[in-house]
Amino acid sequence: MSRITDLSYLEMVSDGDKEFITQVVTSFIENNKEIIEGLENGKKEENWEEMGKLIHKMKPSLEMVGLTPLKEKIIQAETNLKNGENIPETIPLVDEIIANCNQAIEELQADL
């Protein structure tokens, strides 16, 4: 499987500060593990509004770890979930976002 994370943006904005990079990566891992768990629970409970809020929380950290290709999918999923629209089409999108975030977490944990 090819790598989906890219820390070059984070390295640039931090001037290569390894300690800062480690803090940001660790924060990304911890926060997104919680968000993913919440999304899985939200799917089971069909709590679309809560899922929309959780997806929204993912947006700021994506660029830091190079997951910018997910941005459009996250915006679409967030809008649909918050509005309770197109849910059957949105759930596979959420599953893809979760899968990508899980892969990113695995890659980043291996880097630490």
N, C-alpha and C. Protein backbone atom coordinates (compact mmCIF):
# COMPACT_ATOMS: atom_id res chain seq x y z
N MET A 1 0.85 -1.18 0.00
CA MET A 1 0.00 0.00 0.00
C MET A 1 0.90 1.25 0.00
N SER A 2 0.57 2.20 -0.83
CA SER A 2 1.41 3.39 -0.89
C SER A 2 1.07 4.33 0.27
N ARG A 3 2.06 5.11 0.62
CA ARG A 3 1.96 6.04 1.74
C ARG A 3 0.99 7.17 1.41
N ILE A 4 0.13 7.53 2.37
CA ILE A 4 -0.82 8.62 2.12
C ILE A 4 -0.50 9.87 2.93
N THR A 5 0.39 9.76 3.92
CA THR A 5 0.75 10.95 4.70
C THR A 5 2.00 11.59 4.11
N ASP A 6 2.11 12.88 4.35
CA ASP A 6 3.26 13.65 3.86
C ASP A 6 3.47 14.79 4.86
N LEU A 7 4.59 14.74 5.55
CA LEU A 7 4.85 15.73 6.60
C LEU A 7 5.64 16.94 6.10
N SER A 8 5.80 17.09 4.78
CA SER A 8 6.62 18.19 4.27
C SER A 8 6.06 19.56 4.65
N TYR A 9 4.72 19.72 4.62
CA TYR A 9 4.12 21.00 5.02
C TYR A 9 4.41 21.27 6.49
N LEU A 10 4.23 20.27 7.32
CA LEU A 10 4.48 20.41 8.76
C LEU A 10 5.95 20.73 9.01
N GLU A 11 6.83 20.07 8.28
CA GLU A 11 8.26 20.36 8.42
C GLU A 11 8.58 21.79 8.02
N MET A 12 7.91 22.27 6.96
CA MET A 12 8.15 23.63 6.50
C MET A 12 7.68 24.66 7.53
N VAL A 13 6.44 24.51 8.02
CA VAL A 13 5.91 25.51 8.96
C VAL A 13 6.58 25.46 10.32
N SER A 14 7.22 24.34 10.64
CA SER A 14 7.88 24.22 11.94
C SER A 14 9.38 24.46 11.85
N ASP A 15 9.86 24.79 10.65
CA ASP A 15 11.32 24.93 10.42
C ASP A 15 12.07 23.68 10.85
N GLY A 16 11.45 22.52 10.64
CA GLY A 16 12.10 21.26 10.95
C GLY A 16 12.23 20.93 12.43
N ASP A 17 11.47 21.63 13.27
CA ASP A 17 11.51 21.40 14.72
C ASP A 17 10.92 20.01 15.03
N LYS A 18 11.80 19.04 15.27
CA LYS A 18 11.37 17.64 15.46
C LYS A 18 10.41 17.49 16.65
N GLU A 19 10.67 18.22 17.73
CA GLU A 19 9.82 18.12 18.91
C GLU A 19 8.40 18.60 18.60
N PHE A 20 8.31 19.72 17.88
CA PHE A 20 7.00 20.26 17.49
C PHE A 20 6.28 19.29 16.56
N ILE A 21 7.01 18.74 15.60
CA ILE A 21 6.43 17.79 14.65
C ILE A 21 5.88 16.57 15.40
N THR A 22 6.65 16.07 16.35
CA THR A 22 6.20 14.92 17.15
C THR A 22 4.93 15.26 17.92
N GLN A 23 4.87 16.48 18.49
CA GLN A 23 3.68 16.90 19.23
C GLN A 23 2.45 16.95 18.33
N VAL A 24 2.61 17.52 17.14
CA VAL A 24 1.49 17.64 16.21
C VAL A 24 1.03 16.26 15.75
N VAL A 25 1.99 15.39 15.42
CA VAL A 25 1.66 14.03 14.96
C VAL A 25 0.96 13.25 16.06
N THR A 26 1.48 13.34 17.28
CA THR A 26 0.87 12.64 18.42
C THR A 26 -0.55 13.15 18.65
N SER A 27 -0.74 14.45 18.57
CA SER A 27 -2.06 15.04 18.74
C SER A 27 -3.01 14.56 17.64
N PHE A 28 -2.53 14.52 16.40
CA PHE A 28 -3.34 14.03 15.28
C PHE A 28 -3.80 12.59 15.56
N ILE A 29 -2.87 11.75 15.97
CA ILE A 29 -3.19 10.34 16.23
C ILE A 29 -4.24 10.22 17.32
N GLU A 30 -4.01 10.88 18.47
CA GLU A 30 -4.94 10.77 19.59
C GLU A 30 -6.33 11.31 19.24
N ASN A 31 -6.36 12.50 18.64
CA ASN A 31 -7.65 13.13 18.33
C ASN A 31 -8.43 12.32 17.30
N ASN A 32 -7.75 11.84 16.28
CA ASN A 32 -8.46 11.13 15.22
C ASN A 32 -8.90 9.74 15.65
N LYS A 33 -8.17 9.11 16.57
CA LYS A 33 -8.64 7.83 17.10
C LYS A 33 -9.99 8.03 17.80
N GLU A 34 -10.11 9.10 18.58
CA GLU A 34 -11.36 9.41 19.28
C GLU A 34 -12.47 9.73 18.29
N ILE A 35 -12.13 10.52 17.27
CA ILE A 35 -13.13 10.91 16.27
C ILE A 35 -13.63 9.68 15.52
N ILE A 36 -12.72 8.80 15.12
CA ILE A 36 -13.10 7.59 14.40
C ILE A 36 -14.03 6.72 15.25
N GLU A 37 -13.70 6.59 16.52
CA GLU A 37 -14.57 5.82 17.42
C GLU A 37 -15.96 6.45 17.49
N GLY A 38 -16.00 7.77 17.57
CA GLY A 38 -17.28 8.49 17.60
C GLY A 38 -18.06 8.32 16.31
N LEU A 39 -17.35 8.31 15.18
CA LEU A 39 -18.03 8.11 13.89
C LEU A 39 -18.61 6.71 13.79
N GLU A 40 -17.86 5.71 14.25
CA GLU A 40 -18.36 4.33 14.22
C GLU A 40 -19.62 4.21 15.09
N ASN A 41 -19.58 4.83 16.27
CA ASN A 41 -20.76 4.81 17.15
C ASN A 41 -21.93 5.56 16.52
N GLY A 42 -21.62 6.70 15.89
CA GLY A 42 -22.65 7.50 15.23
C GLY A 42 -23.35 6.74 14.12
N LYS A 43 -22.59 5.94 13.39
CA LYS A 43 -23.20 5.12 12.33
C LYS A 43 -24.17 4.11 12.93
N LYS A 44 -23.74 3.45 14.00
CA LYS A 44 -24.60 2.44 14.64
C LYS A 44 -25.89 3.08 15.17
N GLU A 45 -25.75 4.28 15.72
CA GLU A 45 -26.89 4.96 16.34
C GLU A 45 -27.65 5.85 15.35
N GLU A 46 -27.13 5.94 14.13
CA GLU A 46 -27.70 6.81 13.10
C GLU A 46 -27.82 8.25 13.59
N ASN A 47 -26.79 8.70 14.28
CA ASN A 47 -26.73 10.07 14.80
C ASN A 47 -25.94 10.92 13.80
N TRP A 48 -26.61 11.31 12.71
CA TRP A 48 -25.94 11.99 11.60
C TRP A 48 -25.39 13.36 12.02
N GLU A 49 -26.15 14.09 12.81
CA GLU A 49 -25.71 15.43 13.21
C GLU A 49 -24.40 15.36 14.01
N GLU A 50 -24.33 14.43 14.95
CA GLU A 50 -23.11 14.26 15.75
C GLU A 50 -21.94 13.85 14.85
N MET A 51 -22.22 12.98 13.89
CA MET A 51 -21.17 12.57 12.95
C MET A 51 -20.67 13.77 12.15
N GLY A 52 -21.57 14.65 11.76
CA GLY A 52 -21.18 15.87 11.03
C GLY A 52 -20.25 16.74 11.86
N LYS A 53 -20.54 16.84 13.15
CA LYS A 53 -19.69 17.63 14.05
C LYS A 53 -18.30 16.98 14.19
N LEU A 54 -18.28 15.65 14.27
CA LEU A 54 -17.00 14.95 14.40
C LEU A 54 -16.17 15.09 13.14
N ILE A 55 -16.81 14.95 11.98
CA ILE A 55 -16.10 15.10 10.71
C ILE A 55 -15.50 16.52 10.62
N HIS A 56 -16.27 17.50 11.09
CA HIS A 56 -15.80 18.89 11.07
C HIS A 56 -14.50 19.04 11.86
N LYS A 57 -14.40 18.32 12.97
CA LYS A 57 -13.20 18.39 13.82
C LYS A 57 -11.95 17.87 13.11
N MET A 58 -12.14 17.04 12.09
CA MET A 58 -10.99 16.46 11.38
C MET A 58 -10.30 17.47 10.46
N LYS A 59 -11.07 18.41 9.94
CA LYS A 59 -10.57 19.28 8.87
C LYS A 59 -9.25 19.99 9.18
N PRO A 60 -9.10 20.63 10.34
CA PRO A 60 -7.89 21.43 10.55
C PRO A 60 -6.59 20.61 10.54
N SER A 61 -6.65 19.37 10.97
CA SER A 61 -5.40 18.60 11.09
C SER A 61 -4.97 17.91 9.80
N LEU A 62 -5.84 17.83 8.83
CA LEU A 62 -5.53 17.09 7.60
C LEU A 62 -4.32 17.65 6.86
N GLU A 63 -4.28 18.97 6.73
CA GLU A 63 -3.19 19.58 5.97
C GLU A 63 -1.83 19.33 6.64
N MET A 64 -1.83 19.31 7.95
CA MET A 64 -0.58 19.12 8.68
C MET A 64 0.11 17.79 8.36
N VAL A 65 -0.70 16.77 8.08
CA VAL A 65 -0.12 15.46 7.81
C VAL A 65 -0.25 15.06 6.34
N GLY A 66 -0.61 16.02 5.50
CA GLY A 66 -0.64 15.78 4.07
C GLY A 66 -1.85 15.05 3.54
N LEU A 67 -2.95 15.05 4.28
CA LEU A 67 -4.16 14.38 3.82
C LEU A 67 -5.10 15.34 3.10
N THR A 68 -4.56 16.33 2.42
CA THR A 68 -5.39 17.32 1.73
C THR A 68 -6.31 16.70 0.68
N PRO A 69 -5.97 15.55 0.04
CA PRO A 69 -6.92 14.97 -0.92
C PRO A 69 -8.27 14.59 -0.28
N LEU A 70 -8.30 14.42 1.03
CA LEU A 70 -9.55 14.07 1.72
C LEU A 70 -10.45 15.27 1.97
N LYS A 71 -9.90 16.47 1.79
CA LYS A 71 -10.62 17.68 2.19
C LYS A 71 -12.01 17.79 1.54
N GLU A 72 -12.09 17.59 0.23
CA GLU A 72 -13.38 17.70 -0.47
C GLU A 72 -14.37 16.65 0.03
N LYS A 73 -13.87 15.43 0.27
CA LYS A 73 -14.75 14.36 0.75
C LYS A 73 -15.27 14.69 2.15
N ILE A 74 -14.40 15.26 2.96
CA ILE A 74 -14.81 15.62 4.32
C ILE A 74 -15.85 16.74 4.29
N ILE A 75 -15.65 17.73 3.44
CA ILE A 75 -16.62 18.83 3.33
C ILE A 75 -17.96 18.28 2.87
N GLN A 76 -17.95 17.41 1.86
CA GLN A 76 -19.20 16.83 1.36
C GLN A 76 -19.89 16.00 2.45
N ALA A 77 -19.14 15.15 3.14
CA ALA A 77 -19.71 14.31 4.19
C ALA A 77 -20.26 15.18 5.32
N GLU A 78 -19.51 16.18 5.72
CA GLU A 78 -19.96 17.06 6.81
C GLU A 78 -21.28 17.74 6.45
N THR A 79 -21.36 18.29 5.25
CA THR A 79 -22.58 18.98 4.81
C THR A 79 -23.77 18.03 4.79
N ASN A 80 -23.59 16.87 4.19
CA ASN A 80 -24.68 15.89 4.11
C ASN A 80 -25.14 15.44 5.49
N LEU A 81 -24.19 15.14 6.36
CA LEU A 81 -24.54 14.66 7.70
C LEU A 81 -25.24 15.73 8.52
N LYS A 82 -24.71 16.94 8.50
CA LYS A 82 -25.32 18.01 9.29
C LYS A 82 -26.73 18.33 8.81
N ASN A 83 -26.95 18.17 7.49
CA ASN A 83 -28.28 18.45 6.93
C ASN A 83 -29.17 17.21 6.87
N GLY A 84 -28.62 16.05 7.24
CA GLY A 84 -29.38 14.81 7.19
C GLY A 84 -29.78 14.42 5.78
N GLU A 85 -28.93 14.77 4.81
CA GLU A 85 -29.24 14.53 3.39
C GLU A 85 -28.30 13.48 2.80
N ASN A 86 -28.82 12.75 1.81
CA ASN A 86 -28.01 11.79 1.04
C ASN A 86 -27.23 10.82 1.93
N ILE A 87 -27.84 10.40 3.02
CA ILE A 87 -27.15 9.54 3.98
C ILE A 87 -26.68 8.22 3.35
N PRO A 88 -27.49 7.54 2.53
CA PRO A 88 -27.00 6.28 1.95
C PRO A 88 -25.73 6.45 1.10
N GLU A 89 -25.59 7.62 0.44
CA GLU A 89 -24.39 7.89 -0.34
C GLU A 89 -23.24 8.39 0.54
N THR A 90 -23.58 8.93 1.68
CA THR A 90 -22.57 9.55 2.55
C THR A 90 -21.85 8.52 3.41
N ILE A 91 -22.53 7.47 3.84
CA ILE A 91 -21.91 6.47 4.72
C ILE A 91 -20.67 5.83 4.08
N PRO A 92 -20.70 5.43 2.78
CA PRO A 92 -19.47 4.91 2.18
C PRO A 92 -18.35 5.95 2.14
N LEU A 93 -18.72 7.22 2.01
CA LEU A 93 -17.73 8.31 2.04
C LEU A 93 -17.09 8.39 3.42
N VAL A 94 -17.91 8.28 4.45
CA VAL A 94 -17.41 8.28 5.84
C VAL A 94 -16.49 7.08 6.05
N ASP A 95 -16.89 5.92 5.53
CA ASP A 95 -16.05 4.72 5.66
C ASP A 95 -14.69 4.92 4.99
N GLU A 96 -14.69 5.59 3.84
CA GLU A 96 -13.43 5.87 3.14
C GLU A 96 -12.56 6.83 3.95
N ILE A 97 -13.18 7.85 4.53
CA ILE A 97 -12.45 8.81 5.37
C ILE A 97 -11.85 8.08 6.57
N ILE A 98 -12.64 7.21 7.20
CA ILE A 98 -12.15 6.44 8.35
C ILE A 98 -10.98 5.57 7.94
N ALA A 99 -11.11 4.87 6.82
CA ALA A 99 -10.03 3.99 6.35
C ALA A 99 -8.75 4.77 6.08
N ASN A 100 -8.89 5.94 5.45
CA ASN A 100 -7.72 6.77 5.18
C ASN A 100 -7.09 7.28 6.46
N CYS A 101 -7.90 7.69 7.41
CA CYS A 101 -7.37 8.18 8.68
C CYS A 101 -6.70 7.05 9.46
N ASN A 102 -7.28 5.85 9.43
CA ASN A 102 -6.64 4.71 10.09
C ASN A 102 -5.29 4.40 9.46
N GLN A 103 -5.22 4.45 8.13
CA GLN A 103 -3.94 4.23 7.46
C GLN A 103 -2.93 5.32 7.85
N ALA A 104 -3.39 6.56 7.89
CA ALA A 104 -2.51 7.67 8.27
C ALA A 104 -2.00 7.48 9.69
N ILE A 105 -2.87 7.06 10.60
CA ILE A 105 -2.47 6.83 11.98
C ILE A 105 -1.39 5.75 12.04
N GLU A 106 -1.59 4.65 11.31
CA GLU A 106 -0.59 3.57 11.29
C GLU A 106 0.75 4.07 10.77
N GLU A 107 0.72 4.84 9.68
CA GLU A 107 1.96 5.38 9.11
C GLU A 107 2.68 6.29 10.10
N LEU A 108 1.90 7.18 10.72
CA LEU A 108 2.48 8.17 11.63
C LEU A 108 3.00 7.51 12.91
N GLN A 109 2.30 6.49 13.40
CA GLN A 109 2.78 5.78 14.59
C GLN A 109 4.12 5.10 14.28
N ALA A 110 4.25 4.57 13.08
CA ALA A 110 5.50 3.91 12.67
C ALA A 110 6.64 4.92 12.57
N ASP A 111 6.31 6.18 12.28
CA ASP A 111 7.33 7.23 12.15
C ASP A 111 7.83 7.73 13.50
N LEU A 112 7.01 7.58 14.53
CA LEU A 112 7.38 8.14 15.86
C LEU A 112 8.53 7.36 16.50
